[in-house]
Amino acid sequence: MAISAIVKAKAVSYRKIFDATSGRSVLTAQDVETLRATLSDFTSKRRDVGPFAVVTGGERNERLANICLTATTADRPMRIFADVRSARRWLDESMPIP
């Protein structure tokens, strides 16, 4: 989902899970740098960015998780998990749904 779609949906402050358990990254180093710059620019202008959980499903997708972690300098809660259940539990603790 593009950043503009998240803004349009008024979901910036919502908690999010990025499930990378079955994905493969084909991003080049330049792509990662572009992503990092885009996210950094976006988050530097906002104070309402919600917590972000990245699910890797193990070592296989650690690169995807590292891309997510290094792609942002936002002052937001962000962690990597091996399974969705743990990610949801952390999100429930860090930002419970009222």
N, C-alpha and C. Protein backbone atom coordinates (compact mmCIF):
# COMPACT_ATOMS: atom_id res chain seq x y z
N MET A 1 0.85 -1.17 0.00
CA MET A 1 0.00 0.00 0.00
C MET A 1 0.89 1.23 0.00
N ALA A 2 0.57 2.16 -0.83
CA ALA A 2 1.35 3.40 -0.93
C ALA A 2 1.06 4.30 0.27
N ILE A 3 2.04 5.12 0.61
CA ILE A 3 1.88 6.05 1.72
C ILE A 3 0.66 6.94 1.49
N SER A 4 0.46 7.38 0.27
CA SER A 4 -0.68 8.26 -0.02
C SER A 4 -2.01 7.57 0.29
N ALA A 5 -2.09 6.27 0.06
CA ALA A 5 -3.32 5.53 0.35
C ALA A 5 -3.54 5.43 1.86
N ILE A 6 -2.48 5.30 2.62
CA ILE A 6 -2.59 5.24 4.08
C ILE A 6 -3.07 6.59 4.62
N VAL A 7 -2.53 7.67 4.06
CA VAL A 7 -2.95 9.01 4.47
C VAL A 7 -4.40 9.24 4.10
N LYS A 8 -4.76 8.89 2.88
CA LYS A 8 -6.14 9.08 2.41
C LYS A 8 -7.14 8.30 3.27
N ALA A 9 -6.74 7.12 3.70
CA ALA A 9 -7.61 6.29 4.54
C ALA A 9 -7.59 6.74 6.01
N LYS A 10 -6.81 7.77 6.30
CA LYS A 10 -6.67 8.29 7.67
C LYS A 10 -6.22 7.19 8.63
N ALA A 11 -5.24 6.39 8.18
CA ALA A 11 -4.76 5.25 8.94
C ALA A 11 -3.31 5.40 9.41
N VAL A 12 -2.76 6.61 9.32
CA VAL A 12 -1.36 6.82 9.71
C VAL A 12 -1.12 6.44 11.16
N SER A 13 -2.01 6.80 12.04
CA SER A 13 -1.79 6.55 13.46
C SER A 13 -2.15 5.13 13.88
N TYR A 14 -2.76 4.37 12.99
CA TYR A 14 -3.16 3.01 13.32
C TYR A 14 -1.93 2.12 13.46
N ARG A 15 -2.05 1.08 14.25
CA ARG A 15 -0.99 0.09 14.35
C ARG A 15 -1.01 -0.78 13.09
N LYS A 16 0.17 -1.24 12.69
CA LYS A 16 0.28 -1.98 11.44
C LYS A 16 1.15 -3.21 11.60
N ILE A 17 0.84 -4.24 10.83
CA ILE A 17 1.67 -5.44 10.74
C ILE A 17 2.07 -5.62 9.29
N PHE A 18 3.38 -5.79 9.07
CA PHE A 18 3.89 -6.12 7.74
C PHE A 18 4.31 -7.58 7.80
N ASP A 19 3.58 -8.44 7.09
CA ASP A 19 3.85 -9.88 7.11
C ASP A 19 4.76 -10.23 5.94
N ALA A 20 6.02 -10.50 6.26
CA ALA A 20 7.02 -10.82 5.24
C ALA A 20 7.35 -12.31 5.24
N THR A 21 6.44 -13.13 5.77
CA THR A 21 6.74 -14.55 5.91
C THR A 21 6.84 -15.30 4.59
N SER A 22 6.17 -14.82 3.57
CA SER A 22 6.24 -15.54 2.29
C SER A 22 6.77 -14.66 1.17
N GLY A 23 7.26 -13.51 1.50
CA GLY A 23 7.76 -12.60 0.47
C GLY A 23 9.25 -12.76 0.20
N ARG A 24 9.65 -12.25 -0.93
CA ARG A 24 11.07 -12.20 -1.28
C ARG A 24 11.36 -10.80 -1.78
N SER A 25 12.43 -10.24 -1.28
CA SER A 25 12.79 -8.90 -1.70
C SER A 25 13.63 -8.93 -2.96
N VAL A 26 13.26 -8.07 -3.90
CA VAL A 26 14.07 -7.90 -5.10
C VAL A 26 14.58 -6.46 -5.16
N LEU A 27 14.51 -5.80 -4.00
CA LEU A 27 14.97 -4.42 -3.94
C LEU A 27 16.49 -4.35 -4.05
N THR A 28 16.93 -3.42 -4.85
CA THR A 28 18.36 -3.17 -4.95
C THR A 28 18.76 -2.24 -3.81
N ALA A 29 20.05 -2.05 -3.64
CA ALA A 29 20.53 -1.11 -2.62
C ALA A 29 19.97 0.29 -2.89
N GLN A 30 19.87 0.66 -4.16
CA GLN A 30 19.32 1.98 -4.51
C GLN A 30 17.82 2.05 -4.17
N ASP A 31 17.09 0.96 -4.41
CA ASP A 31 15.67 0.91 -4.05
C ASP A 31 15.48 1.09 -2.55
N VAL A 32 16.31 0.42 -1.76
CA VAL A 32 16.23 0.53 -0.30
C VAL A 32 16.52 1.96 0.13
N GLU A 33 17.50 2.59 -0.49
CA GLU A 33 17.84 3.97 -0.15
C GLU A 33 16.68 4.91 -0.51
N THR A 34 16.04 4.68 -1.63
CA THR A 34 14.88 5.48 -2.03
C THR A 34 13.73 5.29 -1.03
N LEU A 35 13.48 4.04 -0.64
CA LEU A 35 12.44 3.75 0.35
C LEU A 35 12.77 4.43 1.67
N ARG A 36 14.01 4.33 2.10
CA ARG A 36 14.45 4.96 3.35
C ARG A 36 14.20 6.46 3.30
N ALA A 37 14.57 7.10 2.20
CA ALA A 37 14.41 8.55 2.06
C ALA A 37 12.93 8.93 2.06
N THR A 38 12.10 8.17 1.37
CA THR A 38 10.67 8.45 1.31
C THR A 38 10.03 8.34 2.69
N LEU A 39 10.32 7.25 3.40
CA LEU A 39 9.75 7.06 4.72
C LEU A 39 10.27 8.08 5.72
N SER A 40 11.54 8.38 5.62
CA SER A 40 12.13 9.36 6.53
C SER A 40 11.49 10.73 6.33
N ASP A 41 11.32 11.11 5.08
CA ASP A 41 10.70 12.40 4.79
C ASP A 41 9.27 12.44 5.30
N PHE A 42 8.53 11.36 5.06
CA PHE A 42 7.14 11.30 5.50
C PHE A 42 7.02 11.36 7.02
N THR A 43 7.79 10.52 7.70
CA THR A 43 7.64 10.45 9.16
C THR A 43 8.22 11.67 9.87
N SER A 44 9.14 12.37 9.24
CA SER A 44 9.70 13.56 9.89
C SER A 44 8.68 14.70 9.94
N LYS A 45 7.66 14.61 9.11
CA LYS A 45 6.63 15.66 9.05
C LYS A 45 5.40 15.31 9.88
N ARG A 46 5.40 14.14 10.51
CA ARG A 46 4.21 13.69 11.24
C ARG A 46 4.58 13.28 12.64
N ARG A 47 3.66 13.46 13.54
CA ARG A 47 3.86 13.02 14.93
C ARG A 47 2.89 11.89 15.29
N ASP A 48 2.06 11.49 14.34
CA ASP A 48 0.99 10.54 14.65
C ASP A 48 1.18 9.16 14.01
N VAL A 49 2.43 8.78 13.76
CA VAL A 49 2.70 7.50 13.11
C VAL A 49 2.60 6.38 14.14
N GLY A 50 1.72 5.41 13.88
CA GLY A 50 1.45 4.33 14.83
C GLY A 50 2.52 3.26 14.85
N PRO A 51 2.42 2.33 15.81
CA PRO A 51 3.40 1.25 15.94
C PRO A 51 3.38 0.32 14.74
N PHE A 52 4.52 -0.31 14.49
CA PHE A 52 4.72 -1.11 13.29
C PHE A 52 5.41 -2.41 13.66
N ALA A 53 4.75 -3.53 13.40
CA ALA A 53 5.31 -4.86 13.66
C ALA A 53 5.65 -5.51 12.32
N VAL A 54 6.85 -6.08 12.22
CA VAL A 54 7.29 -6.79 11.02
C VAL A 54 7.42 -8.26 11.37
N VAL A 55 6.74 -9.11 10.61
CA VAL A 55 6.77 -10.56 10.86
C VAL A 55 7.63 -11.21 9.78
N THR A 56 8.72 -11.88 10.21
CA THR A 56 9.65 -12.47 9.25
C THR A 56 9.43 -13.95 9.04
N GLY A 57 8.88 -14.65 10.03
CA GLY A 57 8.69 -16.08 9.89
C GLY A 57 9.99 -16.85 9.97
N GLY A 58 11.02 -16.28 10.50
CA GLY A 58 12.30 -16.96 10.64
C GLY A 58 13.42 -16.26 9.89
N GLU A 59 14.53 -16.93 9.79
CA GLU A 59 15.74 -16.36 9.19
C GLU A 59 15.58 -16.05 7.70
N ARG A 60 14.76 -16.82 7.02
CA ARG A 60 14.63 -16.69 5.57
C ARG A 60 14.30 -15.28 5.12
N ASN A 61 13.48 -14.59 5.87
CA ASN A 61 13.04 -13.26 5.46
C ASN A 61 13.62 -12.15 6.33
N GLU A 62 14.72 -12.44 7.01
CA GLU A 62 15.35 -11.45 7.86
C GLU A 62 15.74 -10.21 7.06
N ARG A 63 16.12 -10.38 5.79
CA ARG A 63 16.50 -9.23 4.96
C ARG A 63 15.33 -8.27 4.79
N LEU A 64 14.13 -8.80 4.58
CA LEU A 64 12.95 -7.93 4.46
C LEU A 64 12.71 -7.15 5.75
N ALA A 65 12.87 -7.81 6.87
CA ALA A 65 12.68 -7.13 8.14
C ALA A 65 13.73 -6.05 8.34
N ASN A 66 14.96 -6.35 7.99
CA ASN A 66 16.03 -5.36 8.13
C ASN A 66 15.80 -4.15 7.22
N ILE A 67 15.26 -4.39 6.04
CA ILE A 67 14.93 -3.28 5.15
C ILE A 67 13.90 -2.38 5.83
N CYS A 68 12.88 -2.99 6.42
CA CYS A 68 11.85 -2.19 7.11
C CYS A 68 12.44 -1.42 8.27
N LEU A 69 13.27 -2.07 9.06
CA LEU A 69 13.86 -1.40 10.22
C LEU A 69 14.77 -0.26 9.82
N THR A 70 15.61 -0.48 8.83
CA THR A 70 16.57 0.56 8.46
C THR A 70 15.97 1.61 7.54
N ALA A 71 14.79 1.32 7.01
CA ALA A 71 14.19 2.26 6.06
C ALA A 71 13.49 3.42 6.75
N THR A 72 13.40 3.37 8.04
CA THR A 72 12.70 4.46 8.72
C THR A 72 13.48 4.95 9.93
N THR A 73 13.42 6.22 10.12
CA THR A 73 14.04 6.83 11.30
C THR A 73 12.95 7.42 12.19
N ALA A 74 11.74 7.01 11.96
CA ALA A 74 10.60 7.56 12.71
C ALA A 74 10.72 7.26 14.19
N ASP A 75 10.23 8.20 14.96
CA ASP A 75 10.15 8.00 16.39
C ASP A 75 8.85 7.27 16.66
N ARG A 76 8.87 5.95 16.42
CA ARG A 76 7.68 5.13 16.57
C ARG A 76 8.08 3.77 17.09
N PRO A 77 7.20 3.12 17.82
CA PRO A 77 7.49 1.75 18.25
C PRO A 77 7.55 0.83 17.03
N MET A 78 8.62 0.03 16.94
CA MET A 78 8.79 -0.86 15.80
C MET A 78 9.60 -2.08 16.25
N ARG A 79 9.08 -3.27 15.96
CA ARG A 79 9.77 -4.50 16.34
C ARG A 79 9.60 -5.56 15.27
N ILE A 80 10.51 -6.55 15.31
CA ILE A 80 10.48 -7.69 14.38
C ILE A 80 10.05 -8.93 15.15
N PHE A 81 9.21 -9.74 14.52
CA PHE A 81 8.68 -10.95 15.15
C PHE A 81 8.80 -12.14 14.21
N ALA A 82 8.85 -13.34 14.79
CA ALA A 82 8.92 -14.56 13.99
C ALA A 82 7.53 -15.06 13.61
N ASP A 83 6.49 -14.61 14.34
CA ASP A 83 5.14 -15.06 14.02
C ASP A 83 4.13 -13.94 14.27
N VAL A 84 3.00 -14.04 13.58
CA VAL A 84 1.96 -13.02 13.65
C VAL A 84 1.35 -12.93 15.04
N ARG A 85 1.18 -14.06 15.71
CA ARG A 85 0.58 -14.06 17.04
C ARG A 85 1.38 -13.18 18.01
N SER A 86 2.70 -13.30 17.98
CA SER A 86 3.55 -12.48 18.85
C SER A 86 3.46 -11.00 18.48
N ALA A 87 3.40 -10.73 17.19
CA ALA A 87 3.28 -9.34 16.72
C ALA A 87 1.97 -8.73 17.20
N ARG A 88 0.89 -9.47 17.08
CA ARG A 88 -0.42 -8.96 17.54
C ARG A 88 -0.43 -8.73 19.05
N ARG A 89 0.17 -9.65 19.78
CA ARG A 89 0.22 -9.49 21.24
C ARG A 89 0.98 -8.22 21.61
N TRP A 90 2.12 -7.97 20.95
CA TRP A 90 2.89 -6.75 21.21
C TRP A 90 2.10 -5.50 20.86
N LEU A 91 1.42 -5.51 19.72
CA LEU A 91 0.61 -4.36 19.34
C LEU A 91 -0.52 -4.13 20.35
N ASP A 92 -1.12 -5.20 20.83
CA ASP A 92 -2.18 -5.06 21.83
C ASP A 92 -1.64 -4.43 23.11
N GLU A 93 -0.40 -4.76 23.46
CA GLU A 93 0.21 -4.18 24.66
C GLU A 93 0.64 -2.74 24.45
N SER A 94 1.20 -2.44 23.27
CA SER A 94 1.74 -1.10 23.04
C SER A 94 0.67 -0.09 22.63
N MET A 95 -0.42 -0.57 22.01
CA MET A 95 -1.49 0.34 21.59
C MET A 95 -2.79 -0.43 21.53
N PRO A 96 -3.39 -0.67 22.68
CA PRO A 96 -4.64 -1.44 22.71
C PRO A 96 -5.75 -0.75 21.93
N ILE A 97 -6.62 -1.55 21.36
CA ILE A 97 -7.80 -1.02 20.67
C ILE A 97 -8.85 -0.72 21.74
N PRO A 98 -9.35 0.51 21.76
CA PRO A 98 -10.35 0.87 22.80
C PRO A 98 -11.65 0.11 22.64
